[in-house]
Amino acid sequence: MSCSTKSGKTATSHDKSWYVDRARVLAALSNPARLRMVVSLADGEKCVCDMAAEVGLDMSTTSRHLVQLRQAGLLVDERRGNMVFYTLKATCLPAFLDCLDGLSG
């Protein structure tokens, strides 16, 4: 017995690295604190100190989370003096999160 989707669409073929890259992004988003940071950055750039106060974590922990999001390709950072500011690079994320809202009913 075979399983079919009945949609008539064929699966797009991707190489293994495509799946690895997307899994890395999804893993970065899987932490509630990092997800909150991404949602906050959708409103505009923020420095690490403001982000730490907003999410209720110390600066060191906040910075580590932000670096992980940057390494996943979701954020860009800019150093200004002794402060680092982060901006959401993946501007599609708010729409993706809105899509997920529809799943939770």
N, C-alpha and C. Protein backbone atom coordinates (compact mmCIF):
# COMPACT_ATOMS: atom_id res chain seq x y z
N MET A 1 0.84 -1.17 0.00
CA MET A 1 0.00 0.00 0.00
C MET A 1 0.89 1.24 0.00
N SER A 2 0.63 2.16 -0.89
CA SER A 2 1.43 3.38 -0.94
C SER A 2 0.63 4.56 -0.42
N CYS A 3 1.36 5.56 -0.03
CA CYS A 3 0.74 6.77 0.50
C CYS A 3 0.88 7.87 -0.54
N SER A 4 -0.16 8.62 -0.77
CA SER A 4 -0.06 9.74 -1.71
C SER A 4 -0.75 10.95 -1.12
N THR A 5 -0.33 12.11 -1.60
CA THR A 5 -0.90 13.36 -1.08
C THR A 5 -2.13 13.79 -1.85
N LYS A 6 -2.32 13.26 -3.02
CA LYS A 6 -3.46 13.58 -3.88
C LYS A 6 -3.47 15.03 -4.33
N SER A 7 -2.40 15.78 -4.05
CA SER A 7 -2.38 17.19 -4.43
C SER A 7 -1.89 17.40 -5.85
N GLY A 8 -1.23 16.41 -6.40
CA GLY A 8 -0.68 16.55 -7.73
C GLY A 8 0.65 17.28 -7.77
N LYS A 9 1.10 17.82 -6.65
CA LYS A 9 2.37 18.53 -6.58
C LYS A 9 3.49 17.54 -6.32
N THR A 10 4.63 17.80 -6.91
CA THR A 10 5.79 16.96 -6.66
C THR A 10 6.69 17.64 -5.65
N ALA A 11 7.35 16.85 -4.86
CA ALA A 11 8.26 17.38 -3.84
C ALA A 11 9.47 18.01 -4.53
N THR A 12 9.88 19.17 -4.04
CA THR A 12 11.07 19.82 -4.57
C THR A 12 12.28 19.10 -4.02
N SER A 13 13.23 18.85 -4.88
CA SER A 13 14.44 18.16 -4.48
C SER A 13 15.46 19.15 -3.96
N HIS A 14 15.95 18.92 -2.78
CA HIS A 14 17.00 19.75 -2.17
C HIS A 14 18.14 18.84 -1.75
N ASP A 15 19.34 19.41 -1.73
CA ASP A 15 20.45 18.61 -1.24
C ASP A 15 20.46 18.64 0.29
N LYS A 16 21.29 17.80 0.87
CA LYS A 16 21.32 17.64 2.33
C LYS A 16 21.62 18.96 3.05
N SER A 17 22.49 19.78 2.47
CA SER A 17 22.88 21.04 3.14
C SER A 17 21.69 21.99 3.28
N TRP A 18 20.74 21.94 2.36
CA TRP A 18 19.53 22.78 2.45
C TRP A 18 18.76 22.45 3.73
N TYR A 19 18.60 21.17 3.98
CA TYR A 19 17.87 20.74 5.18
C TYR A 19 18.65 21.06 6.45
N VAL A 20 19.96 20.89 6.41
CA VAL A 20 20.80 21.21 7.57
C VAL A 20 20.71 22.69 7.90
N ASP A 21 20.77 23.53 6.88
CA ASP A 21 20.68 24.99 7.10
C ASP A 21 19.33 25.38 7.71
N ARG A 22 18.26 24.84 7.20
CA ARG A 22 16.93 25.19 7.74
C ARG A 22 16.74 24.64 9.15
N ALA A 23 17.28 23.47 9.42
CA ALA A 23 17.19 22.91 10.77
C ALA A 23 17.95 23.77 11.77
N ARG A 24 19.10 24.33 11.35
CA ARG A 24 19.88 25.21 12.21
C ARG A 24 19.09 26.48 12.56
N VAL A 25 18.38 27.03 11.59
CA VAL A 25 17.55 28.21 11.83
C VAL A 25 16.41 27.87 12.78
N LEU A 26 15.74 26.76 12.53
CA LEU A 26 14.63 26.37 13.39
C LEU A 26 15.10 26.05 14.80
N ALA A 27 16.29 25.46 14.94
CA ALA A 27 16.84 25.19 16.26
C ALA A 27 17.11 26.49 17.01
N ALA A 28 17.62 27.49 16.30
CA ALA A 28 17.87 28.79 16.93
C ALA A 28 16.58 29.42 17.42
N LEU A 29 15.50 29.20 16.70
CA LEU A 29 14.20 29.76 17.09
C LEU A 29 13.49 28.94 18.16
N SER A 30 14.01 27.77 18.48
CA SER A 30 13.29 26.86 19.38
C SER A 30 13.36 27.26 20.85
N ASN A 31 14.22 28.19 21.19
CA ASN A 31 14.33 28.65 22.57
C ASN A 31 13.37 29.82 22.79
N PRO A 32 12.53 29.78 23.84
CA PRO A 32 11.56 30.86 24.06
C PRO A 32 12.20 32.25 24.21
N ALA A 33 13.34 32.35 24.86
CA ALA A 33 13.99 33.65 25.01
C ALA A 33 14.46 34.18 23.66
N ARG A 34 15.04 33.32 22.84
CA ARG A 34 15.48 33.75 21.51
C ARG A 34 14.31 34.12 20.63
N LEU A 35 13.24 33.38 20.73
CA LEU A 35 12.04 33.70 19.96
C LEU A 35 11.50 35.06 20.37
N ARG A 36 11.50 35.33 21.66
CA ARG A 36 11.04 36.64 22.15
C ARG A 36 11.94 37.76 21.62
N MET A 37 13.23 37.50 21.54
CA MET A 37 14.16 38.51 21.01
C MET A 37 13.87 38.80 19.55
N VAL A 38 13.61 37.76 18.78
CA VAL A 38 13.30 37.94 17.36
C VAL A 38 12.03 38.76 17.19
N VAL A 39 11.02 38.45 17.97
CA VAL A 39 9.76 39.21 17.89
C VAL A 39 10.00 40.66 18.26
N SER A 40 10.78 40.91 19.29
CA SER A 40 11.09 42.26 19.71
C SER A 40 11.86 43.02 18.63
N LEU A 41 12.81 42.36 17.98
CA LEU A 41 13.61 43.00 16.95
C LEU A 41 12.83 43.28 15.68
N ALA A 42 11.65 42.69 15.54
CA ALA A 42 10.80 43.01 14.40
C ALA A 42 10.36 44.47 14.45
N ASP A 43 10.40 45.07 15.63
CA ASP A 43 10.03 46.48 15.80
C ASP A 43 11.19 47.43 15.53
N GLY A 44 12.39 46.90 15.33
CA GLY A 44 13.55 47.74 15.05
C GLY A 44 14.76 47.30 15.85
N GLU A 45 15.89 47.92 15.53
CA GLU A 45 17.15 47.52 16.17
C GLU A 45 17.15 47.83 17.66
N LYS A 46 17.94 47.02 18.37
CA LYS A 46 18.08 47.19 19.82
C LYS A 46 19.49 46.83 20.22
N CYS A 47 19.97 47.47 21.28
CA CYS A 47 21.27 47.11 21.81
C CYS A 47 21.10 45.94 22.78
N VAL A 48 22.19 45.29 23.09
CA VAL A 48 22.16 44.12 23.98
C VAL A 48 21.58 44.52 25.33
N CYS A 49 21.95 45.69 25.85
CA CYS A 49 21.48 46.09 27.18
C CYS A 49 19.96 46.26 27.20
N ASP A 50 19.39 46.86 26.16
CA ASP A 50 17.93 47.02 26.11
C ASP A 50 17.25 45.66 25.96
N MET A 51 17.83 44.79 25.15
CA MET A 51 17.26 43.47 24.94
C MET A 51 17.30 42.65 26.23
N ALA A 52 18.38 42.76 26.98
CA ALA A 52 18.50 42.02 28.25
C ALA A 52 17.41 42.46 29.22
N ALA A 53 17.19 43.77 29.31
CA ALA A 53 16.14 44.27 30.21
C ALA A 53 14.77 43.80 29.75
N GLU A 54 14.56 43.77 28.46
CA GLU A 54 13.25 43.39 27.92
C GLU A 54 12.93 41.92 28.17
N VAL A 55 13.91 41.05 28.00
CA VAL A 55 13.65 39.61 28.17
C VAL A 55 13.92 39.11 29.58
N GLY A 56 14.50 39.97 30.42
CA GLY A 56 14.71 39.60 31.82
C GLY A 56 15.88 38.66 32.04
N LEU A 57 16.91 38.78 31.20
CA LEU A 57 18.10 37.95 31.36
C LEU A 57 19.31 38.86 31.58
N ASP A 58 20.39 38.30 32.12
CA ASP A 58 21.60 39.11 32.28
C ASP A 58 22.21 39.36 30.90
N MET A 59 23.09 40.35 30.83
CA MET A 59 23.66 40.75 29.54
C MET A 59 24.46 39.63 28.89
N SER A 60 25.19 38.86 29.68
CA SER A 60 26.01 37.79 29.13
C SER A 60 25.14 36.73 28.46
N THR A 61 24.09 36.30 29.12
CA THR A 61 23.19 35.29 28.57
C THR A 61 22.48 35.82 27.34
N THR A 62 22.03 37.08 27.43
CA THR A 62 21.36 37.70 26.29
C THR A 62 22.29 37.77 25.09
N SER A 63 23.52 38.16 25.32
CA SER A 63 24.51 38.26 24.25
C SER A 63 24.74 36.90 23.60
N ARG A 64 24.84 35.84 24.38
CA ARG A 64 25.05 34.50 23.83
C ARG A 64 23.86 34.09 22.95
N HIS A 65 22.64 34.40 23.41
CA HIS A 65 21.45 34.09 22.61
C HIS A 65 21.47 34.86 21.29
N LEU A 66 21.81 36.14 21.36
CA LEU A 66 21.84 36.97 20.16
C LEU A 66 22.90 36.48 19.17
N VAL A 67 24.04 36.05 19.68
CA VAL A 67 25.08 35.51 18.80
C VAL A 67 24.58 34.25 18.10
N GLN A 68 23.87 33.41 18.82
CA GLN A 68 23.34 32.19 18.21
C GLN A 68 22.35 32.54 17.09
N LEU A 69 21.51 33.54 17.31
CA LEU A 69 20.57 33.96 16.28
C LEU A 69 21.31 34.57 15.08
N ARG A 70 22.38 35.31 15.36
CA ARG A 70 23.18 35.89 14.28
C ARG A 70 23.86 34.79 13.47
N GLN A 71 24.42 33.81 14.16
CA GLN A 71 25.10 32.71 13.47
C GLN A 71 24.14 31.89 12.62
N ALA A 72 22.86 31.87 13.00
CA ALA A 72 21.85 31.16 12.21
C ALA A 72 21.41 32.00 11.01
N GLY A 73 21.90 33.24 10.92
CA GLY A 73 21.57 34.09 9.78
C GLY A 73 20.33 34.92 9.96
N LEU A 74 19.80 34.97 11.18
CA LEU A 74 18.55 35.68 11.42
C LEU A 74 18.75 37.15 11.77
N LEU A 75 19.91 37.50 12.29
CA LEU A 75 20.18 38.87 12.74
C LEU A 75 21.48 39.37 12.13
N VAL A 76 21.61 40.69 12.11
CA VAL A 76 22.88 41.33 11.81
C VAL A 76 23.22 42.21 13.01
N ASP A 77 24.51 42.38 13.24
CA ASP A 77 24.93 43.21 14.37
C ASP A 77 25.83 44.33 13.88
N GLU A 78 25.87 45.40 14.67
CA GLU A 78 26.72 46.54 14.37
C GLU A 78 27.28 47.07 15.68
N ARG A 79 28.59 47.13 15.74
CA ARG A 79 29.25 47.65 16.93
C ARG A 79 29.38 49.16 16.80
N ARG A 80 28.96 49.86 17.86
CA ARG A 80 29.10 51.32 17.94
C ARG A 80 29.75 51.63 19.28
N GLY A 81 31.04 51.90 19.23
CA GLY A 81 31.78 52.09 20.47
C GLY A 81 31.83 50.77 21.23
N ASN A 82 31.40 50.81 22.48
CA ASN A 82 31.41 49.57 23.28
C ASN A 82 30.04 48.89 23.30
N MET A 83 29.11 49.33 22.46
CA MET A 83 27.77 48.74 22.42
C MET A 83 27.57 48.00 21.10
N VAL A 84 26.78 46.93 21.16
CA VAL A 84 26.44 46.17 19.96
C VAL A 84 24.93 46.26 19.75
N PHE A 85 24.55 46.63 18.54
CA PHE A 85 23.14 46.75 18.18
C PHE A 85 22.79 45.62 17.21
N TYR A 86 21.61 45.04 17.40
CA TYR A 86 21.15 43.94 16.56
C TYR A 86 19.91 44.37 15.79
N THR A 87 19.83 43.88 14.55
CA THR A 87 18.69 44.13 13.67
C THR A 87 18.24 42.80 13.09
N LEU A 88 16.94 42.65 12.92
CA LEU A 88 16.40 41.45 12.31
C LEU A 88 16.72 41.43 10.82
N LYS A 89 17.46 40.44 10.39
CA LYS A 89 17.80 40.28 8.97
C LYS A 89 16.69 39.52 8.25
N ALA A 90 16.12 38.54 8.93
CA ALA A 90 15.08 37.69 8.34
C ALA A 90 13.73 38.38 8.52
N THR A 91 13.45 39.34 7.65
CA THR A 91 12.22 40.13 7.78
C THR A 91 10.96 39.32 7.49
N CYS A 92 11.12 38.10 7.02
CA CYS A 92 9.97 37.22 6.77
C CYS A 92 9.48 36.55 8.06
N LEU A 93 10.26 36.62 9.13
CA LEU A 93 9.89 35.90 10.35
C LEU A 93 8.55 36.32 10.97
N PRO A 94 8.23 37.61 11.04
CA PRO A 94 6.92 37.96 11.61
C PRO A 94 5.76 37.29 10.87
N ALA A 95 5.83 37.22 9.54
CA ALA A 95 4.77 36.55 8.77
C ALA A 95 4.76 35.06 9.05
N PHE A 96 5.95 34.46 9.18
CA PHE A 96 6.04 33.04 9.51
C PHE A 96 5.41 32.77 10.88
N LEU A 97 5.68 33.63 11.86
CA LEU A 97 5.11 33.46 13.19
C LEU A 97 3.60 33.68 13.18
N ASP A 98 3.13 34.61 12.36
CA ASP A 98 1.68 34.79 12.20
C ASP A 98 1.04 33.53 11.62
N CYS A 99 1.73 32.90 10.70
CA CYS A 99 1.25 31.64 10.13
C CYS A 99 1.12 30.58 11.22
N LEU A 100 2.13 30.51 12.09
CA LEU A 100 2.09 29.54 13.19
C LEU A 100 0.94 29.82 14.15
N ASP A 101 0.60 31.10 14.32
CA ASP A 101 -0.53 31.45 15.19
C ASP A 101 -1.81 30.78 14.72
N GLY A 102 -1.95 30.63 13.42
CA GLY A 102 -3.14 29.98 12.87
C GLY A 102 -3.22 28.51 13.21
N LEU A 103 -2.09 27.90 13.55
CA LEU A 103 -2.09 26.48 13.89
C LEU A 103 -2.60 26.22 15.30
N SER A 104 -2.44 27.22 16.18
CA SER A 104 -2.79 26.99 17.58
C SER A 104 -4.24 27.27 17.87
N GLY A 105 -5.00 27.66 16.86
CA GLY A 105 -6.44 27.84 16.99
C GLY A 105 -6.79 28.96 17.87
